N, C-alpha and C. Protein backbone atom coordinates (compact mmCIF):
# COMPACT_ATOMS: atom_id res chain seq x y z
N UNK A 1 57.54 121.26 50.51
CA UNK A 1 56.81 121.70 51.67
C UNK A 1 57.81 122.29 52.67
N UNK A 2 57.64 123.51 53.07
CA UNK A 2 58.58 124.14 54.00
C UNK A 2 58.49 123.54 55.40
N UNK A 3 59.63 123.52 56.08
CA UNK A 3 59.70 122.99 57.44
C UNK A 3 59.12 124.02 58.42
N UNK A 4 58.47 123.54 59.46
CA UNK A 4 57.90 124.44 60.47
C UNK A 4 58.90 124.69 61.61
N UNK A 5 60.10 124.13 61.49
CA UNK A 5 61.10 124.34 62.52
C UNK A 5 61.79 125.68 62.29
N UNK A 6 62.20 126.29 63.37
CA UNK A 6 62.88 127.58 63.32
C UNK A 6 64.39 127.35 63.24
N UNK A 7 65.08 128.28 62.64
CA UNK A 7 66.52 128.23 62.50
C UNK A 7 67.13 129.34 63.34
N UNK A 8 68.19 129.01 64.06
CA UNK A 8 68.92 130.01 64.84
C UNK A 8 70.32 130.11 64.23
N UNK A 9 70.71 131.31 63.90
CA UNK A 9 72.03 131.53 63.33
C UNK A 9 72.91 132.24 64.35
N UNK A 10 74.19 131.93 64.31
CA UNK A 10 75.15 132.63 65.15
C UNK A 10 76.47 132.69 64.42
N UNK A 11 77.23 133.70 64.73
CA UNK A 11 78.54 133.87 64.11
C UNK A 11 79.61 133.54 65.14
N UNK A 12 80.57 132.73 64.72
CA UNK A 12 81.68 132.35 65.60
C UNK A 12 82.99 132.48 64.83
N UNK A 13 84.07 132.61 65.57
CA UNK A 13 85.38 132.67 64.92
C UNK A 13 85.78 131.26 64.48
N UNK A 14 86.84 131.17 63.71
CA UNK A 14 87.32 129.86 63.25
C UNK A 14 87.71 128.98 64.44
N UNK A 15 88.37 129.58 65.44
CA UNK A 15 88.78 128.82 66.62
C UNK A 15 87.56 128.31 67.40
N UNK A 16 86.56 129.17 67.55
CA UNK A 16 85.34 128.77 68.26
C UNK A 16 84.64 127.64 67.49
N UNK A 17 84.59 127.77 66.19
CA UNK A 17 83.94 126.75 65.36
C UNK A 17 84.65 125.41 65.53
N UNK A 18 85.98 125.41 65.48
CA UNK A 18 86.74 124.17 65.64
C UNK A 18 86.52 123.57 67.03
N UNK A 19 86.48 124.42 68.04
CA UNK A 19 86.25 123.95 69.40
C UNK A 19 84.87 123.30 69.54
N UNK A 20 83.86 123.93 68.95
CA UNK A 20 82.50 123.38 69.00
C UNK A 20 82.44 122.05 68.24
N UNK A 21 83.07 122.00 67.08
CA UNK A 21 83.08 120.76 66.29
C UNK A 21 83.77 119.63 67.05
N UNK A 22 84.88 119.95 67.71
CA UNK A 22 85.61 118.94 68.49
C UNK A 22 84.76 118.43 69.65
N UNK A 23 84.09 119.34 70.34
CA UNK A 23 83.24 118.95 71.46
C UNK A 23 82.09 118.08 70.99
N UNK A 24 81.47 118.43 69.88
CA UNK A 24 80.37 117.64 69.34
C UNK A 24 80.85 116.25 68.96
N UNK A 25 82.03 116.18 68.36
CA UNK A 25 82.58 114.88 67.96
C UNK A 25 82.88 114.01 69.17
N UNK A 26 83.40 114.60 70.24
CA UNK A 26 83.70 113.85 71.45
C UNK A 26 82.44 113.28 72.09
N UNK A 27 81.32 113.94 71.85
CA UNK A 27 80.05 113.48 72.41
C UNK A 27 79.28 112.59 71.42
N UNK A 28 79.87 112.34 70.28
CA UNK A 28 79.24 111.53 69.23
C UNK A 28 77.91 112.13 68.79
N UNK A 29 77.88 113.46 68.67
CA UNK A 29 76.67 114.16 68.22
C UNK A 29 76.99 114.99 66.99
N UNK A 30 75.96 115.23 66.19
CA UNK A 30 76.14 116.14 65.07
C UNK A 30 76.30 117.55 65.64
N UNK A 31 76.81 118.44 64.83
CA UNK A 31 77.00 119.82 65.27
C UNK A 31 75.66 120.44 65.67
N UNK A 32 74.63 120.18 64.89
CA UNK A 32 73.30 120.72 65.17
C UNK A 32 72.74 120.15 66.47
N UNK A 33 72.84 118.83 66.64
CA UNK A 33 72.31 118.19 67.85
C UNK A 33 73.08 118.67 69.09
N UNK A 34 74.39 118.84 68.95
CA UNK A 34 75.20 119.32 70.06
C UNK A 34 74.80 120.74 70.46
N UNK A 35 74.70 121.62 69.47
CA UNK A 35 74.33 123.01 69.74
C UNK A 35 72.95 123.10 70.39
N UNK A 36 72.02 122.31 69.89
CA UNK A 36 70.66 122.32 70.45
C UNK A 36 70.68 121.85 71.90
N UNK A 37 71.41 120.76 72.18
CA UNK A 37 71.46 120.22 73.54
C UNK A 37 72.11 121.22 74.49
N UNK A 38 73.17 121.88 74.06
CA UNK A 38 73.86 122.85 74.91
C UNK A 38 72.94 124.05 75.17
N UNK A 39 72.30 124.54 74.14
CA UNK A 39 71.41 125.71 74.30
C UNK A 39 70.22 125.41 75.20
N UNK A 40 69.75 124.19 75.18
CA UNK A 40 68.60 123.83 76.01
C UNK A 40 69.02 123.40 77.42
N UNK A 41 70.33 123.41 77.67
CA UNK A 41 70.82 123.10 79.01
C UNK A 41 70.83 121.63 79.36
N UNK A 42 70.81 120.77 78.36
CA UNK A 42 70.85 119.33 78.63
C UNK A 42 72.26 118.93 79.06
N UNK A 43 72.32 117.94 79.93
CA UNK A 43 73.63 117.42 80.34
C UNK A 43 74.20 116.59 79.21
N UNK A 44 75.40 116.91 78.83
CA UNK A 44 76.04 116.22 77.72
C UNK A 44 77.23 115.44 78.26
N UNK A 45 77.23 114.14 78.01
CA UNK A 45 78.34 113.30 78.45
C UNK A 45 79.12 112.88 77.23
N UNK A 46 80.41 113.08 77.31
CA UNK A 46 81.24 112.70 76.16
C UNK A 46 81.33 111.19 76.07
N UNK A 47 81.55 110.70 74.87
CA UNK A 47 81.69 109.26 74.67
C UNK A 47 82.95 108.76 75.38
N UNK A 48 83.94 109.63 75.58
CA UNK A 48 85.15 109.25 76.31
C UNK A 48 84.80 108.95 77.76
N UNK A 49 83.95 109.78 78.38
CA UNK A 49 83.52 109.53 79.75
C UNK A 49 82.77 108.22 79.85
N UNK A 50 81.90 107.97 78.90
CA UNK A 50 81.13 106.74 78.92
C UNK A 50 82.03 105.52 78.75
N UNK A 51 83.02 105.62 77.89
CA UNK A 51 83.95 104.52 77.68
C UNK A 51 84.77 104.29 78.95
N UNK A 52 85.20 105.36 79.60
CA UNK A 52 85.96 105.24 80.85
C UNK A 52 85.11 104.58 81.92
N UNK A 53 83.85 104.98 81.99
CA UNK A 53 82.93 104.37 82.97
C UNK A 53 82.80 102.87 82.74
N UNK A 54 82.65 102.46 81.48
CA UNK A 54 82.54 101.02 81.16
C UNK A 54 83.82 100.27 81.57
N UNK A 55 84.97 100.87 81.29
CA UNK A 55 86.23 100.22 81.64
C UNK A 55 86.39 100.08 83.15
N UNK A 56 85.99 101.12 83.89
CA UNK A 56 86.08 101.05 85.35
C UNK A 56 85.12 100.00 85.91
N UNK A 57 83.93 99.90 85.34
CA UNK A 57 82.99 98.88 85.81
C UNK A 57 83.51 97.48 85.51
N UNK A 58 84.15 97.32 84.36
CA UNK A 58 84.75 96.03 84.03
C UNK A 58 85.86 95.69 85.02
N UNK A 59 86.67 96.68 85.35
CA UNK A 59 87.73 96.49 86.35
C UNK A 59 87.14 96.11 87.70
N UNK A 60 86.04 96.73 88.06
CA UNK A 60 85.36 96.40 89.31
C UNK A 60 84.90 94.94 89.31
N UNK A 61 84.38 94.47 88.18
CA UNK A 61 83.98 93.07 88.06
C UNK A 61 85.17 92.12 88.18
N UNK A 62 86.28 92.51 87.57
CA UNK A 62 87.50 91.70 87.67
C UNK A 62 87.96 91.60 89.13
N UNK A 63 87.87 92.72 89.85
CA UNK A 63 88.23 92.71 91.27
C UNK A 63 87.32 91.75 92.04
N UNK A 64 86.04 91.75 91.71
CA UNK A 64 85.10 90.85 92.37
C UNK A 64 85.44 89.39 92.12
N UNK A 65 85.80 89.08 90.88
CA UNK A 65 86.18 87.69 90.56
C UNK A 65 87.45 87.28 91.31
N UNK A 66 88.40 88.22 91.40
CA UNK A 66 89.62 87.95 92.15
C UNK A 66 89.30 87.68 93.61
N UNK A 67 88.38 88.45 94.17
CA UNK A 67 87.96 88.23 95.55
C UNK A 67 87.34 86.86 95.73
N UNK A 68 86.55 86.43 94.75
CA UNK A 68 85.95 85.09 94.81
C UNK A 68 86.99 83.99 94.82
N UNK A 69 88.02 84.16 94.02
CA UNK A 69 89.10 83.18 94.00
C UNK A 69 89.85 83.14 95.33
N UNK A 70 90.04 84.31 95.92
CA UNK A 70 90.71 84.35 97.23
C UNK A 70 89.85 83.68 98.30
N UNK A 71 88.56 83.85 98.22
CA UNK A 71 87.67 83.19 99.19
C UNK A 71 87.78 81.68 99.06
N UNK A 72 87.89 81.20 97.83
CA UNK A 72 88.06 79.76 97.63
C UNK A 72 89.39 79.30 98.24
N UNK A 73 90.44 80.12 98.11
CA UNK A 73 91.73 79.79 98.70
C UNK A 73 91.62 79.70 100.21
N UNK A 74 90.89 80.60 100.82
CA UNK A 74 90.72 80.58 102.28
C UNK A 74 90.07 79.28 102.72
N UNK A 75 89.07 78.84 101.97
CA UNK A 75 88.38 77.61 102.33
C UNK A 75 89.28 76.39 102.19
N UNK A 76 90.18 76.44 101.22
CA UNK A 76 91.02 75.28 100.93
C UNK A 76 92.35 75.27 101.68
N UNK A 77 92.83 76.40 102.14
CA UNK A 77 94.20 76.49 102.66
C UNK A 77 94.24 77.35 103.92
N UNK A 78 94.38 76.71 105.07
CA UNK A 78 94.45 77.45 106.34
C UNK A 78 95.78 78.16 106.53
N UNK A 79 96.84 77.68 105.87
CA UNK A 79 98.16 78.28 106.04
C UNK A 79 98.21 79.72 105.54
N UNK A 80 97.48 80.03 104.49
CA UNK A 80 97.52 81.36 103.88
C UNK A 80 96.28 82.20 104.21
N UNK A 81 95.54 81.79 105.21
CA UNK A 81 94.26 82.45 105.52
C UNK A 81 94.44 83.94 105.85
N UNK A 82 95.39 84.30 106.71
CA UNK A 82 95.58 85.69 107.11
C UNK A 82 95.94 86.57 105.91
N UNK A 83 96.85 86.10 105.08
CA UNK A 83 97.27 86.87 103.90
C UNK A 83 96.09 87.03 102.94
N UNK A 84 95.31 85.98 102.75
CA UNK A 84 94.17 86.04 101.84
C UNK A 84 93.09 86.99 102.37
N UNK A 85 92.86 86.97 103.68
CA UNK A 85 91.87 87.88 104.27
C UNK A 85 92.31 89.33 104.11
N UNK A 86 93.61 89.59 104.25
CA UNK A 86 94.14 90.94 104.07
C UNK A 86 93.93 91.38 102.61
N UNK A 87 94.22 90.49 101.69
CA UNK A 87 94.02 90.80 100.28
C UNK A 87 92.54 91.06 99.96
N UNK A 88 91.65 90.29 100.59
CA UNK A 88 90.21 90.50 100.38
C UNK A 88 89.79 91.89 100.85
N UNK A 89 90.32 92.33 101.98
CA UNK A 89 90.01 93.68 102.47
C UNK A 89 90.52 94.74 101.50
N UNK A 90 91.73 94.54 100.98
CA UNK A 90 92.29 95.48 100.01
C UNK A 90 91.46 95.52 98.73
N UNK A 91 91.01 94.35 98.29
CA UNK A 91 90.17 94.30 97.08
C UNK A 91 88.86 95.05 97.33
N UNK A 92 88.29 94.87 98.52
CA UNK A 92 87.05 95.58 98.87
C UNK A 92 87.25 97.09 98.85
N UNK A 93 88.38 97.55 99.38
CA UNK A 93 88.67 98.98 99.38
C UNK A 93 88.83 99.48 97.94
N UNK A 94 89.53 98.72 97.12
CA UNK A 94 89.73 99.11 95.73
C UNK A 94 88.40 99.18 95.00
N UNK A 95 87.52 98.22 95.24
CA UNK A 95 86.21 98.24 94.60
C UNK A 95 85.42 99.47 95.01
N UNK A 96 85.47 99.84 96.26
CA UNK A 96 84.75 101.03 96.71
C UNK A 96 85.30 102.29 96.04
N UNK A 97 86.62 102.36 95.87
CA UNK A 97 87.24 103.49 95.20
C UNK A 97 86.82 103.55 93.73
N UNK A 98 86.75 102.39 93.09
CA UNK A 98 86.34 102.34 91.68
C UNK A 98 84.91 102.84 91.54
N UNK A 99 84.01 102.36 92.40
CA UNK A 99 82.61 102.78 92.32
C UNK A 99 82.50 104.28 92.55
N UNK A 100 83.28 104.81 93.48
CA UNK A 100 83.27 106.25 93.76
C UNK A 100 83.70 107.03 92.52
N UNK A 101 84.75 106.56 91.84
CA UNK A 101 85.22 107.23 90.62
C UNK A 101 84.18 107.16 89.51
N UNK A 102 83.54 105.99 89.35
CA UNK A 102 82.52 105.84 88.30
C UNK A 102 81.38 106.81 88.53
N UNK A 103 80.97 106.95 89.77
CA UNK A 103 79.87 107.87 90.08
C UNK A 103 80.24 109.32 89.86
N UNK A 104 81.54 109.64 89.95
CA UNK A 104 81.96 111.03 89.75
C UNK A 104 82.06 111.41 88.28
N UNK A 105 82.08 110.42 87.40
CA UNK A 105 82.20 110.70 85.96
C UNK A 105 80.86 111.13 85.39
């Protein structure tokens, strides 16, 4: 039974073909799915970007846990309160920078 889908053919050079194949691979898509998504104007996110986003979010969580530990130190130790509060502010700034970077990816 013949398929009712239409086929689009295009001619590309060897370099263009390799570039398209590399881009499709980076996005974890087949060549056909990649070409279709690009032609239809869909936003394509590479798997590298997604992996970077996950790593940054994990780092953000680690920063939050570190902040929690510092808060516990403040409650337990008045001698180091000023240093711990300064570190908490720095952690907060770092977390905001991480979130900003994640949103830009």
